[in-house]
Amino acid sequence: EGAVPVGRADKYARAPVVETAEVAGEALVRVQPGAAEGAFALRAADVR
């Protein structure tokens, strides 16, 4: 369906980038926060 919110990221959290994508007209950055689970996504406007 698109991008579903599942929580909030701490300010200054960091993670390796898997890919950048556009979903429903919104720029997203998919990240791999750790070794356990699959990638999450963040809005490109919220990250550097």
ModelCIF file with pLDDT and N, C-alpha, C, O atoms, coordinates in Angstrom:
data_MODEL
#
_entry.id   MODEL 
#
_entity.id                         1 
_entity.type                       polymer 
_entity.pdbx_number_of_molecules   1 
#
_entity_poly.entity_id                      1 
_entity_poly.type                           'polypeptide(L)' 
_entity_poly.nstd_linkage                   no 
_entity_poly.nstd_monomer                   no 
_entity_poly.pdbx_seq_one_letter_code       EGAVPVGRADKYARAPVVETAEVAGEALVRVQPGAAEGAFALRAADVR 
_entity_poly.pdbx_seq_one_letter_code_can   EGAVPVGRADKYARAPVVETAEVAGEALVRVQPGAAEGAFALRAADVR 
_entity_poly.pdbx_strand_id                 A 
#
loop_
_entity_poly_seq.entity_id 
_entity_poly_seq.num 
_entity_poly_seq.mon_id 
_entity_poly_seq.hetero 
1 1  GLU n 
1 2  GLY n 
1 3  ALA n 
1 4  VAL n 
1 5  PRO n 
1 6  VAL n 
1 7  GLY n 
1 8  ARG n 
1 9  ALA n 
1 10 ASP n 
1 11 LYS n 
1 12 TYR n 
1 13 ALA n 
1 14 ARG n 
1 15 ALA n 
1 16 PRO n 
1 17 VAL n 
1 18 VAL n 
1 19 GLU n 
1 20 THR n 
1 21 ALA n 
1 22 GLU n 
1 23 VAL n 
1 24 ALA n 
1 25 GLY n 
1 26 GLU n 
1 27 ALA n 
1 28 LEU n 
1 29 VAL n 
1 30 ARG n 
1 31 VAL n 
1 32 GLN n 
1 33 PRO n 
1 34 GLY n 
1 35 ALA n 
1 36 ALA n 
1 37 GLU n 
1 38 GLY n 
1 39 ALA n 
1 40 PHE n 
1 41 ALA n 
1 42 LEU n 
1 43 ARG n 
1 44 ALA n 
1 45 ALA n 
1 46 ASP n 
1 47 VAL n 
1 48 ARG n 
#
_struct_asym.id          A 
_struct_asym.entity_id   1 
#
loop_
_ma_qa_metric.id 
_ma_qa_metric.mode 
_ma_qa_metric.name 
_ma_qa_metric.software_group_id 
_ma_qa_metric.type 
1 global pLDDT . pLDDT 
2 local  pLDDT . pLDDT 
#
_ma_qa_metric_global.metric_id      1 
_ma_qa_metric_global.metric_value   88.19 
_ma_qa_metric_global.model_id       1 
_ma_qa_metric_global.ordinal_id     1 
#
loop_
_ma_qa_metric_local.label_asym_id 
_ma_qa_metric_local.label_comp_id 
_ma_qa_metric_local.label_seq_id 
_ma_qa_metric_local.metric_id 
_ma_qa_metric_local.metric_value 
_ma_qa_metric_local.model_id 
_ma_qa_metric_local.ordinal_id 
A GLU 1  2 73.00 1 1  
A GLY 2  2 81.00 1 2  
A ALA 3  2 88.00 1 3  
A VAL 4  2 91.00 1 4  
A PRO 5  2 92.00 1 5  
A VAL 6  2 92.00 1 6  
A GLY 7  2 94.00 1 7  
A ARG 8  2 96.00 1 8  
A ALA 9  2 95.00 1 9  
A ASP 10 2 96.00 1 10 
A LYS 11 2 97.00 1 11 
A TYR 12 2 98.00 1 12 
A ALA 13 2 96.00 1 13 
A ARG 14 2 95.00 1 14 
A ALA 15 2 94.00 1 15 
A PRO 16 2 95.00 1 16 
A VAL 17 2 95.00 1 17 
A VAL 18 2 91.00 1 18 
A GLU 19 2 92.00 1 19 
A THR 20 2 92.00 1 20 
A ALA 21 2 88.00 1 21 
A GLU 22 2 90.00 1 22 
A VAL 23 2 88.00 1 23 
A ALA 24 2 85.00 1 24 
A GLY 25 2 87.00 1 25 
A GLU 26 2 91.00 1 26 
A ALA 27 2 95.00 1 27 
A LEU 28 2 95.00 1 28 
A VAL 29 2 95.00 1 29 
A ARG 30 2 93.00 1 30 
A VAL 31 2 93.00 1 31 
A GLN 32 2 86.00 1 32 
A PRO 33 2 75.00 1 33 
A GLY 34 2 65.00 1 34 
A ALA 35 2 51.00 1 35 
A ALA 36 2 49.00 1 36 
A GLU 37 2 57.00 1 37 
A GLY 38 2 65.00 1 38 
A ALA 39 2 77.00 1 39 
A PHE 40 2 91.00 1 40 
A ALA 41 2 94.00 1 41 
A LEU 42 2 96.00 1 42 
A ARG 43 2 96.00 1 43 
A ALA 44 2 97.00 1 44 
A ALA 45 2 97.00 1 45 
A ASP 46 2 98.00 1 46 
A VAL 47 2 98.00 1 47 
A ARG 48 2 98.00 1 48 
#
loop_
_atom_site.group_PDB 
_atom_site.id 
_atom_site.type_symbol 
_atom_site.label_atom_id 
_atom_site.label_alt_id 
_atom_site.label_comp_id 
_atom_site.label_asym_id 
_atom_site.label_entity_id 
_atom_site.label_seq_id 
_atom_site.pdbx_PDB_ins_code 
_atom_site.Cartn_x 
_atom_site.Cartn_y 
_atom_site.Cartn_z 
_atom_site.occupancy 
_atom_site.B_iso_or_equiv 
_atom_site.pdbx_formal_charge 
_atom_site.auth_seq_id 
_atom_site.auth_comp_id 
_atom_site.auth_asym_id 
_atom_site.auth_atom_id 
_atom_site.pdbx_PDB_model_num 
ATOM 1   N N  . GLU A 1 1  ? 0.812  -1.218 0.000  1.00 73.00 ? 1  GLU A N  1 
ATOM 2   C CA . GLU A 1 1  ? 0.000  0.000  0.000  1.00 73.00 ? 1  GLU A CA 1 
ATOM 3   C C  . GLU A 1 1  ? 0.846  1.271  0.000  1.00 73.00 ? 1  GLU A C  1 
ATOM 4   O O  . GLU A 1 1  ? 0.392  2.338  -0.412 1.00 73.00 ? 1  GLU A O  1 
ATOM 5   N N  . GLY A 1 2  ? 2.088  1.132  0.471  1.00 81.00 ? 2  GLY A N  1 
ATOM 6   C CA . GLY A 1 2  ? 2.940  2.319  0.576  1.00 81.00 ? 2  GLY A CA 1 
ATOM 7   C C  . GLY A 1 2  ? 3.795  2.256  1.822  1.00 81.00 ? 2  GLY A C  1 
ATOM 8   O O  . GLY A 1 2  ? 4.242  1.178  2.212  1.00 81.00 ? 2  GLY A O  1 
ATOM 9   N N  . ALA A 1 3  ? 4.032  3.399  2.457  1.00 88.00 ? 3  ALA A N  1 
ATOM 10  C CA . ALA A 1 3  ? 4.870  3.498  3.652  1.00 88.00 ? 3  ALA A CA 1 
ATOM 11  C C  . ALA A 1 3  ? 3.972  3.582  4.883  1.00 88.00 ? 3  ALA A C  1 
ATOM 12  O O  . ALA A 1 3  ? 3.104  4.451  4.967  1.00 88.00 ? 3  ALA A O  1 
ATOM 13  N N  . VAL A 1 4  ? 4.185  2.669  5.845  1.00 91.00 ? 4  VAL A N  1 
ATOM 14  C CA . VAL A 1 4  ? 3.343  2.590  7.039  1.00 91.00 ? 4  VAL A CA 1 
ATOM 15  C C  . VAL A 1 4  ? 4.170  2.984  8.260  1.00 91.00 ? 4  VAL A C  1 
ATOM 16  O O  . VAL A 1 4  ? 5.212  2.376  8.506  1.00 91.00 ? 4  VAL A O  1 
ATOM 17  N N  . PRO A 1 5  ? 3.735  3.989  9.037  1.00 92.00 ? 5  PRO A N  1 
ATOM 18  C CA . PRO A 1 5  ? 4.480  4.370  10.248 1.00 92.00 ? 5  PRO A CA 1 
ATOM 19  C C  . PRO A 1 5  ? 4.436  3.257  11.295 1.00 92.00 ? 5  PRO A C  1 
ATOM 20  O O  . PRO A 1 5  ? 3.383  2.672  11.548 1.00 92.00 ? 5  PRO A O  1 
ATOM 21  N N  . VAL A 1 6  ? 5.597  2.971  11.902 1.00 92.00 ? 6  VAL A N  1 
ATOM 22  C CA . VAL A 1 6  ? 5.668  1.956  12.954 1.00 92.00 ? 6  VAL A CA 1 
ATOM 23  C C  . VAL A 1 6  ? 6.334  2.500  14.224 1.00 92.00 ? 6  VAL A C  1 
ATOM 24  O O  . VAL A 1 6  ? 6.520  1.753  15.185 1.00 92.00 ? 6  VAL A O  1 
ATOM 25  N N  . GLY A 1 7  ? 6.683  3.746  14.241 1.00 94.00 ? 7  GLY A N  1 
ATOM 26  C CA . GLY A 1 7  ? 7.334  4.322  15.408 1.00 94.00 ? 7  GLY A CA 1 
ATOM 27  C C  . GLY A 1 7  ? 8.072  5.589  15.021 1.00 94.00 ? 7  GLY A C  1 
ATOM 28  O O  . GLY A 1 7  ? 7.848  6.154  13.951 1.00 94.00 ? 7  GLY A O  1 
ATOM 29  N N  . ARG A 1 8  ? 8.953  6.026  15.904 1.00 96.00 ? 8  ARG A N  1 
ATOM 30  C CA . ARG A 1 8  ? 9.741  7.238  15.646 1.00 96.00 ? 8  ARG A CA 1 
ATOM 31  C C  . ARG A 1 8  ? 11.218 6.958  15.872 1.00 96.00 ? 8  ARG A C  1 
ATOM 32  O O  . ARG A 1 8  ? 11.594 6.163  16.734 1.00 96.00 ? 8  ARG A O  1 
ATOM 33  N N  . ALA A 1 9  ? 12.026 7.611  15.099 1.00 95.00 ? 9  ALA A N  1 
ATOM 34  C CA . ALA A 1 9  ? 13.481 7.481  15.219 1.00 95.00 ? 9  ALA A CA 1 
ATOM 35  C C  . ALA A 1 9  ? 14.019 8.581  16.113 1.00 95.00 ? 9  ALA A C  1 
ATOM 36  O O  . ALA A 1 9  ? 13.551 9.718  16.053 1.00 95.00 ? 9  ALA A O  1 
ATOM 37  N N  . ASP A 1 10 ? 14.995 8.252  16.938 1.00 96.00 ? 10 ASP A N  1 
ATOM 38  C CA . ASP A 1 10 ? 15.628 9.258  17.778 1.00 96.00 ? 10 ASP A CA 1 
ATOM 39  C C  . ASP A 1 10 ? 16.372 10.277 16.924 1.00 96.00 ? 10 ASP A C  1 
ATOM 40  O O  . ASP A 1 10 ? 16.957 9.937  15.896 1.00 96.00 ? 10 ASP A O  1 
ATOM 41  N N  . LYS A 1 11 ? 16.339 11.525 17.365 1.00 97.00 ? 11 LYS A N  1 
ATOM 42  C CA . LYS A 1 11 ? 17.181 12.528 16.712 1.00 97.00 ? 11 LYS A CA 1 
ATOM 43  C C  . LYS A 1 11 ? 18.635 12.105 16.843 1.00 97.00 ? 11 LYS A C  1 
ATOM 44  O O  . LYS A 1 11 ? 19.074 11.698 17.919 1.00 97.00 ? 11 LYS A O  1 
ATOM 45  N N  . TYR A 1 12 ? 19.367 12.199 15.771 1.00 98.00 ? 12 TYR A N  1 
ATOM 46  C CA . TYR A 1 12 ? 20.779 11.849 15.629 1.00 98.00 ? 12 TYR A CA 1 
ATOM 47  C C  . TYR A 1 12 ? 21.028 10.343 15.526 1.00 98.00 ? 12 TYR A C  1 
ATOM 48  O O  . TYR A 1 12 ? 22.182 9.914  15.513 1.00 98.00 ? 12 TYR A O  1 
ATOM 49  N N  . ALA A 1 13 ? 19.971 9.537  15.451 1.00 96.00 ? 13 ALA A N  1 
ATOM 50  C CA . ALA A 1 13 ? 20.193 8.125  15.131 1.00 96.00 ? 13 ALA A CA 1 
ATOM 51  C C  . ALA A 1 13 ? 20.797 8.027  13.739 1.00 96.00 ? 13 ALA A C  1 
ATOM 52  O O  . ALA A 1 13 ? 20.585 8.909  12.906 1.00 96.00 ? 13 ALA A O  1 
ATOM 53  N N  . ARG A 1 14 ? 21.540 6.972  13.481 1.00 95.00 ? 14 ARG A N  1 
ATOM 54  C CA . ARG A 1 14 ? 22.167 6.801  12.170 1.00 95.00 ? 14 ARG A CA 1 
ATOM 55  C C  . ARG A 1 14 ? 22.110 5.344  11.763 1.00 95.00 ? 14 ARG A C  1 
ATOM 56  O O  . ARG A 1 14 ? 22.048 4.452  12.609 1.00 95.00 ? 14 ARG A O  1 
ATOM 57  N N  . ALA A 1 15 ? 22.131 5.109  10.447 1.00 94.00 ? 15 ALA A N  1 
ATOM 58  C CA . ALA A 1 15 ? 22.076 3.752  9.918  1.00 94.00 ? 15 ALA A CA 1 
ATOM 59  C C  . ALA A 1 15 ? 22.552 3.757  8.470  1.00 94.00 ? 15 ALA A C  1 
ATOM 60  O O  . ALA A 1 15 ? 22.361 4.744  7.760  1.00 94.00 ? 15 ALA A O  1 
ATOM 61  N N  . PRO A 1 16 ? 23.175 2.655  8.024  1.00 95.00 ? 16 PRO A N  1 
ATOM 62  C CA . PRO A 1 16 ? 23.587 2.553  6.625  1.00 95.00 ? 16 PRO A CA 1 
ATOM 63  C C  . PRO A 1 16 ? 22.388 2.605  5.680  1.00 95.00 ? 16 PRO A C  1 
ATOM 64  O O  . PRO A 1 16 ? 21.316 2.089  5.995  1.00 95.00 ? 16 PRO A O  1 
ATOM 65  N N  . VAL A 1 17 ? 22.576 3.224  4.535  1.00 95.00 ? 17 VAL A N  1 
ATOM 66  C CA . VAL A 1 17 ? 21.513 3.368  3.550  1.00 95.00 ? 17 VAL A CA 1 
ATOM 67  C C  . VAL A 1 17 ? 21.494 2.145  2.639  1.00 95.00 ? 17 VAL A C  1 
ATOM 68  O O  . VAL A 1 17 ? 22.524 1.741  2.100  1.00 95.00 ? 17 VAL A O  1 
ATOM 69  N N  . VAL A 1 18 ? 20.288 1.551  2.472  1.00 91.00 ? 18 VAL A N  1 
ATOM 70  C CA . VAL A 1 18 ? 20.102 0.432  1.558  1.00 91.00 ? 18 VAL A CA 1 
ATOM 71  C C  . VAL A 1 18 ? 19.800 0.946  0.153  1.00 91.00 ? 18 VAL A C  1 
ATOM 72  O O  . VAL A 1 18 ? 20.391 0.497  -0.829 1.00 91.00 ? 18 VAL A O  1 
ATOM 73  N N  . GLU A 1 19 ? 18.865 1.899  0.077  1.00 92.00 ? 19 GLU A N  1 
ATOM 74  C CA . GLU A 1 19 ? 18.504 2.484  -1.206 1.00 92.00 ? 19 GLU A CA 1 
ATOM 75  C C  . GLU A 1 19 ? 17.661 3.720  -0.964 1.00 92.00 ? 19 GLU A C  1 
ATOM 76  O O  . GLU A 1 19 ? 17.160 3.930  0.141  1.00 92.00 ? 19 GLU A O  1 
ATOM 77  N N  . THR A 1 20 ? 17.507 4.527  -1.978 1.00 92.00 ? 20 THR A N  1 
ATOM 78  C CA . THR A 1 20 ? 16.544 5.625  -1.950 1.00 92.00 ? 20 THR A CA 1 
ATOM 79  C C  . THR A 1 20 ? 15.415 5.271  -2.898 1.00 92.00 ? 20 THR A C  1 
ATOM 80  O O  . THR A 1 20 ? 15.634 4.608  -3.912 1.00 92.00 ? 20 THR A O  1 
ATOM 81  N N  . ALA A 1 21 ? 14.211 5.710  -2.573 1.00 88.00 ? 21 ALA A N  1 
ATOM 82  C CA . ALA A 1 21 ? 13.048 5.347  -3.379 1.00 88.00 ? 21 ALA A CA 1 
ATOM 83  C C  . ALA A 1 21 ? 12.009 6.446  -3.276 1.00 88.00 ? 21 ALA A C  1 
ATOM 84  O O  . ALA A 1 21 ? 12.069 7.301  -2.392 1.00 88.00 ? 21 ALA A O  1 
ATOM 85  N N  . GLU A 1 22 ? 11.060 6.408  -4.190 1.00 90.00 ? 22 GLU A N  1 
ATOM 86  C CA . GLU A 1 22 ? 9.925  7.313  -4.135 1.00 90.00 ? 22 GLU A CA 1 
ATOM 87  C C  . GLU A 1 22 ? 8.662  6.459  -4.039 1.00 90.00 ? 22 GLU A C  1 
ATOM 88  O O  . GLU A 1 22 ? 8.401  5.610  -4.890 1.00 90.00 ? 22 GLU A O  1 
ATOM 89  N N  . VAL A 1 23 ? 7.886  6.704  -2.983 1.00 88.00 ? 23 VAL A N  1 
ATOM 90  C CA . VAL A 1 23 ? 6.663  5.946  -2.744 1.00 88.00 ? 23 VAL A CA 1 
ATOM 91  C C  . VAL A 1 23 ? 5.510  6.932  -2.620 1.00 88.00 ? 23 VAL A C  1 
ATOM 92  O O  . VAL A 1 23 ? 5.532  7.820  -1.767 1.00 88.00 ? 23 VAL A O  1 
ATOM 93  N N  . ALA A 1 24 ? 4.520  6.774  -3.461 1.00 85.00 ? 24 ALA A N  1 
ATOM 94  C CA . ALA A 1 24 ? 3.352  7.658  -3.465 1.00 85.00 ? 24 ALA A CA 1 
ATOM 95  C C  . ALA A 1 24 ? 3.772  9.119  -3.574 1.00 85.00 ? 24 ALA A C  1 
ATOM 96  O O  . ALA A 1 24 ? 3.191  9.998  -2.936 1.00 85.00 ? 24 ALA A O  1 
ATOM 97  N N  . GLY A 1 25 ? 4.790  9.360  -4.393 1.00 87.00 ? 25 GLY A N  1 
ATOM 98  C CA . GLY A 1 25 ? 5.247  10.724 -4.622 1.00 87.00 ? 25 GLY A CA 1 
ATOM 99  C C  . GLY A 1 25 ? 6.117  11.299 -3.529 1.00 87.00 ? 25 GLY A C  1 
ATOM 100 O O  . GLY A 1 25 ? 6.441  12.486 -3.565 1.00 87.00 ? 25 GLY A O  1 
ATOM 101 N N  . GLU A 1 26 ? 6.515  10.472 -2.533 1.00 91.00 ? 26 GLU A N  1 
ATOM 102 C CA . GLU A 1 26 ? 7.318  10.958 -1.418 1.00 91.00 ? 26 GLU A CA 1 
ATOM 103 C C  . GLU A 1 26 ? 8.691  10.299 -1.439 1.00 91.00 ? 26 GLU A C  1 
ATOM 104 O O  . GLU A 1 26 ? 8.791  9.080  -1.579 1.00 91.00 ? 26 GLU A O  1 
ATOM 105 N N  . ALA A 1 27 ? 9.749  11.095 -1.301 1.00 95.00 ? 27 ALA A N  1 
ATOM 106 C CA . ALA A 1 27 ? 11.116 10.579 -1.310 1.00 95.00 ? 27 ALA A CA 1 
ATOM 107 C C  . ALA A 1 27 ? 11.421 9.918  0.028  1.00 95.00 ? 27 ALA A C  1 
ATOM 108 O O  . ALA A 1 27 ? 11.229 10.516 1.088  1.00 95.00 ? 27 ALA A O  1 
ATOM 109 N N  . LEU A 1 28 ? 11.899 8.675  -0.034 1.00 95.00 ? 28 LEU A N  1 
ATOM 110 C CA . LEU A 1 28 ? 12.218 7.907  1.156  1.00 95.00 ? 28 LEU A CA 1 
ATOM 111 C C  . LEU A 1 28 ? 13.650 7.391  1.081  1.00 95.00 ? 28 LEU A C  1 
ATOM 112 O O  . LEU A 1 28 ? 14.225 7.246  0.001  1.00 95.00 ? 28 LEU A O  1 
ATOM 113 N N  . VAL A 1 29 ? 14.206 7.118  2.252  1.00 95.00 ? 29 VAL A N  1 
ATOM 114 C CA . VAL A 1 29 ? 15.522 6.506  2.361  1.00 95.00 ? 29 VAL A CA 1 
ATOM 115 C C  . VAL A 1 29 ? 15.356 5.225  3.165  1.00 95.00 ? 29 VAL A C  1 
ATOM 116 O O  . VAL A 1 29 ? 14.970 5.268  4.333  1.00 95.00 ? 29 VAL A O  1 
ATOM 117 N N  . ARG A 1 30 ? 15.645 4.084  2.545  1.00 93.00 ? 30 ARG A N  1 
ATOM 118 C CA . ARG A 1 30 ? 15.580 2.807  3.260  1.00 93.00 ? 30 ARG A CA 1 
ATOM 119 C C  . ARG A 1 30 ? 16.918 2.579  3.952  1.00 93.00 ? 30 ARG A C  1 
ATOM 120 O O  . ARG A 1 30 ? 17.978 2.748  3.351  1.00 93.00 ? 30 ARG A O  1 
ATOM 121 N N  . VAL A 1 31 ? 16.852 2.190  5.233  1.00 93.00 ? 31 VAL A N  1 
ATOM 122 C CA . VAL A 1 31 ? 18.054 2.024  6.036  1.00 93.00 ? 31 VAL A CA 1 
ATOM 123 C C  . VAL A 1 31 ? 18.054 0.648  6.680  1.00 93.00 ? 31 VAL A C  1 
ATOM 124 O O  . VAL A 1 31 ? 17.009 0.020  6.852  1.00 93.00 ? 31 VAL A O  1 
ATOM 125 N N  . GLN A 1 32 ? 19.250 0.197  7.033  1.00 86.00 ? 32 GLN A N  1 
ATOM 126 C CA . GLN A 1 32 ? 19.436 -1.076 7.729  1.00 86.00 ? 32 GLN A CA 1 
ATOM 127 C C  . GLN A 1 32 ? 19.938 -0.754 9.129  1.00 86.00 ? 32 GLN A C  1 
ATOM 128 O O  . GLN A 1 32 ? 21.141 -0.571 9.313  1.00 86.00 ? 32 GLN A O  1 
ATOM 129 N N  . PRO A 1 33 ? 19.044 -0.678 10.138 1.00 75.00 ? 33 PRO A N  1 
ATOM 130 C CA . PRO A 1 33 ? 19.467 -0.219 11.458 1.00 75.00 ? 33 PRO A CA 1 
ATOM 131 C C  . PRO A 1 33 ? 20.302 -1.217 12.228 1.00 75.00 ? 33 PRO A C  1 
ATOM 132 O O  . PRO A 1 33 ? 21.036 -0.822 13.135 1.00 75.00 ? 33 PRO A O  1 
ATOM 133 N N  . GLY A 1 34 ? 20.219 -2.503 11.901 1.00 65.00 ? 34 GLY A N  1 
ATOM 134 C CA . GLY A 1 34 ? 20.989 -3.506 12.639 1.00 65.00 ? 34 GLY A CA 1 
ATOM 135 C C  . GLY A 1 34 ? 21.025 -4.809 11.877 1.00 65.00 ? 34 GLY A C  1 
ATOM 136 O O  . GLY A 1 34 ? 20.541 -4.905 10.750 1.00 65.00 ? 34 GLY A O  1 
ATOM 137 N N  . ALA A 1 35 ? 21.603 -5.806 12.508 1.00 51.00 ? 35 ALA A N  1 
ATOM 138 C CA . ALA A 1 35 ? 21.786 -7.074 11.818 1.00 51.00 ? 35 ALA A CA 1 
ATOM 139 C C  . ALA A 1 35 ? 20.553 -7.971 11.900 1.00 51.00 ? 35 ALA A C  1 
ATOM 140 O O  . ALA A 1 35 ? 20.482 -8.983 11.203 1.00 51.00 ? 35 ALA A O  1 
ATOM 141 N N  . ALA A 1 36 ? 19.572 -7.610 12.751 1.00 49.00 ? 36 ALA A N  1 
ATOM 142 C CA . ALA A 1 36 ? 18.476 -8.539 13.046 1.00 49.00 ? 36 ALA A CA 1 
ATOM 143 C C  . ALA A 1 36 ? 17.384 -8.542 11.976 1.00 49.00 ? 36 ALA A C  1 
ATOM 144 O O  . ALA A 1 36 ? 17.068 -9.590 11.413 1.00 49.00 ? 36 ALA A O  1 
ATOM 145 N N  . GLU A 1 37 ? 16.812 -7.380 11.698 1.00 57.00 ? 37 GLU A N  1 
ATOM 146 C CA . GLU A 1 37 ? 15.616 -7.314 10.873 1.00 57.00 ? 37 GLU A CA 1 
ATOM 147 C C  . GLU A 1 37 ? 15.911 -6.710 9.507  1.00 57.00 ? 37 GLU A C  1 
ATOM 148 O O  . GLU A 1 37 ? 17.027 -6.275 9.222  1.00 57.00 ? 37 GLU A O  1 
ATOM 149 N N  . GLY A 1 38 ? 14.867 -6.696 8.665  1.00 65.00 ? 38 GLY A N  1 
ATOM 150 C CA . GLY A 1 38 ? 14.984 -6.072 7.359  1.00 65.00 ? 38 GLY A CA 1 
ATOM 151 C C  . GLY A 1 38 ? 15.032 -4.564 7.465  1.00 65.00 ? 38 GLY A C  1 
ATOM 152 O O  . GLY A 1 38 ? 15.022 -4.000 8.559  1.00 65.00 ? 38 GLY A O  1 
ATOM 153 N N  . ALA A 1 39 ? 15.085 -3.922 6.319  1.00 77.00 ? 39 ALA A N  1 
ATOM 154 C CA . ALA A 1 39 ? 15.259 -2.478 6.278  1.00 77.00 ? 39 ALA A CA 1 
ATOM 155 C C  . ALA A 1 39 ? 13.980 -1.746 6.666  1.00 77.00 ? 39 ALA A C  1 
ATOM 156 O O  . ALA A 1 39 ? 12.869 -2.205 6.403  1.00 77.00 ? 39 ALA A O  1 
ATOM 157 N N  . PHE A 1 40 ? 14.172 -0.608 7.293  1.00 91.00 ? 40 PHE A N  1 
ATOM 158 C CA . PHE A 1 40 ? 13.112 0.352  7.558  1.00 91.00 ? 40 PHE A CA 1 
ATOM 159 C C  . PHE A 1 40 ? 13.296 1.512  6.584  1.00 91.00 ? 40 PHE A C  1 
ATOM 160 O O  . PHE A 1 40 ? 14.245 1.534  5.800  1.00 91.00 ? 40 PHE A O  1 
ATOM 161 N N  . ALA A 1 41 ? 12.385 2.465  6.645  1.00 94.00 ? 41 ALA A N  1 
ATOM 162 C CA . ALA A 1 41 ? 12.498 3.648  5.792  1.00 94.00 ? 41 ALA A CA 1 
ATOM 163 C C  . ALA A 1 41 ? 12.275 4.902  6.615  1.00 94.00 ? 41 ALA A C  1 
ATOM 164 O O  . ALA A 1 41 ? 11.585 4.889  7.635  1.00 94.00 ? 41 ALA A O  1 
ATOM 165 N N  . LEU A 1 42 ? 12.873 5.978  6.151  1.00 96.00 ? 42 LEU A N  1 
ATOM 166 C CA . LEU A 1 42 ? 12.706 7.307  6.736  1.00 96.00 ? 42 LEU A CA 1 
ATOM 167 C C  . LEU A 1 42 ? 12.428 8.276  5.601  1.00 96.00 ? 42 LEU A C  1 
ATOM 168 O O  . LEU A 1 42 ? 12.876 8.071  4.473  1.00 96.00 ? 42 LEU A O  1 
ATOM 169 N N  . ARG A 1 43 ? 11.697 9.317  5.901  1.00 96.00 ? 43 ARG A N  1 
ATOM 170 C CA . ARG A 1 43 ? 11.484 10.351 4.888  1.00 96.00 ? 43 ARG A CA 1 
ATOM 171 C C  . ARG A 1 43 ? 12.804 11.063 4.617  1.00 96.00 ? 43 ARG A C  1 
ATOM 172 O O  . ARG A 1 43 ? 13.547 11.396 5.541  1.00 96.00 ? 43 ARG A O  1 
ATOM 173 N N  . ALA A 1 44 ? 13.080 11.286 3.355  1.00 97.00 ? 44 ALA A N  1 
ATOM 174 C CA . ALA A 1 44 ? 14.332 11.940 2.982  1.00 97.00 ? 44 ALA A CA 1 
ATOM 175 C C  . ALA A 1 44 ? 14.459 13.316 3.622  1.00 97.00 ? 44 ALA A C  1 
ATOM 176 O O  . ALA A 1 44 ? 15.569 13.778 3.885  1.00 97.00 ? 44 ALA A O  1 
ATOM 177 N N  . ALA A 1 45 ? 13.334 13.970 3.873  1.00 97.00 ? 45 ALA A N  1 
ATOM 178 C CA . ALA A 1 45 ? 13.372 15.299 4.485  1.00 97.00 ? 45 ALA A CA 1 
ATOM 179 C C  . ALA A 1 45 ? 13.820 15.266 5.942  1.00 97.00 ? 45 ALA A C  1 
ATOM 180 O O  . ALA A 1 45 ? 14.163 16.310 6.497  1.00 97.00 ? 45 ALA A O  1 
ATOM 181 N N  . ASP A 1 46 ? 13.826 14.079 6.582  1.00 98.00 ? 46 ASP A N  1 
ATOM 182 C CA . ASP A 1 46 ? 14.182 13.963 7.989  1.00 98.00 ? 46 ASP A CA 1 
ATOM 183 C C  . ASP A 1 46 ? 15.626 13.544 8.210  1.00 98.00 ? 46 ASP A C  1 
ATOM 184 O O  . ASP A 1 46 ? 16.087 13.486 9.350  1.00 98.00 ? 46 ASP A O  1 
ATOM 185 N N  . VAL A 1 47 ? 16.348 13.249 7.129  1.00 98.00 ? 47 VAL A N  1 
ATOM 186 C CA . VAL A 1 47 ? 17.703 12.736 7.290  1.00 98.00 ? 47 VAL A CA 1 
ATOM 187 C C  . VAL A 1 47 ? 18.687 13.520 6.425  1.00 98.00 ? 47 VAL A C  1 
ATOM 188 O O  . VAL A 1 47 ? 18.320 14.176 5.450  1.00 98.00 ? 47 VAL A O  1 
ATOM 189 N N  . ARG A 1 48 ? 19.937 13.422 6.824  1.00 98.00 ? 48 ARG A N  1 
ATOM 190 C CA . ARG A 1 48 ? 21.059 13.887 6.003  1.00 98.00 ? 48 ARG A CA 1 
ATOM 191 C C  . ARG A 1 48 ? 21.904 12.656 5.679  1.00 98.00 ? 48 ARG A C  1 
ATOM 192 O O  . ARG A 1 48 ? 22.920 12.768 4.994  1.00 98.00 ? 48 ARG A O  1 
#
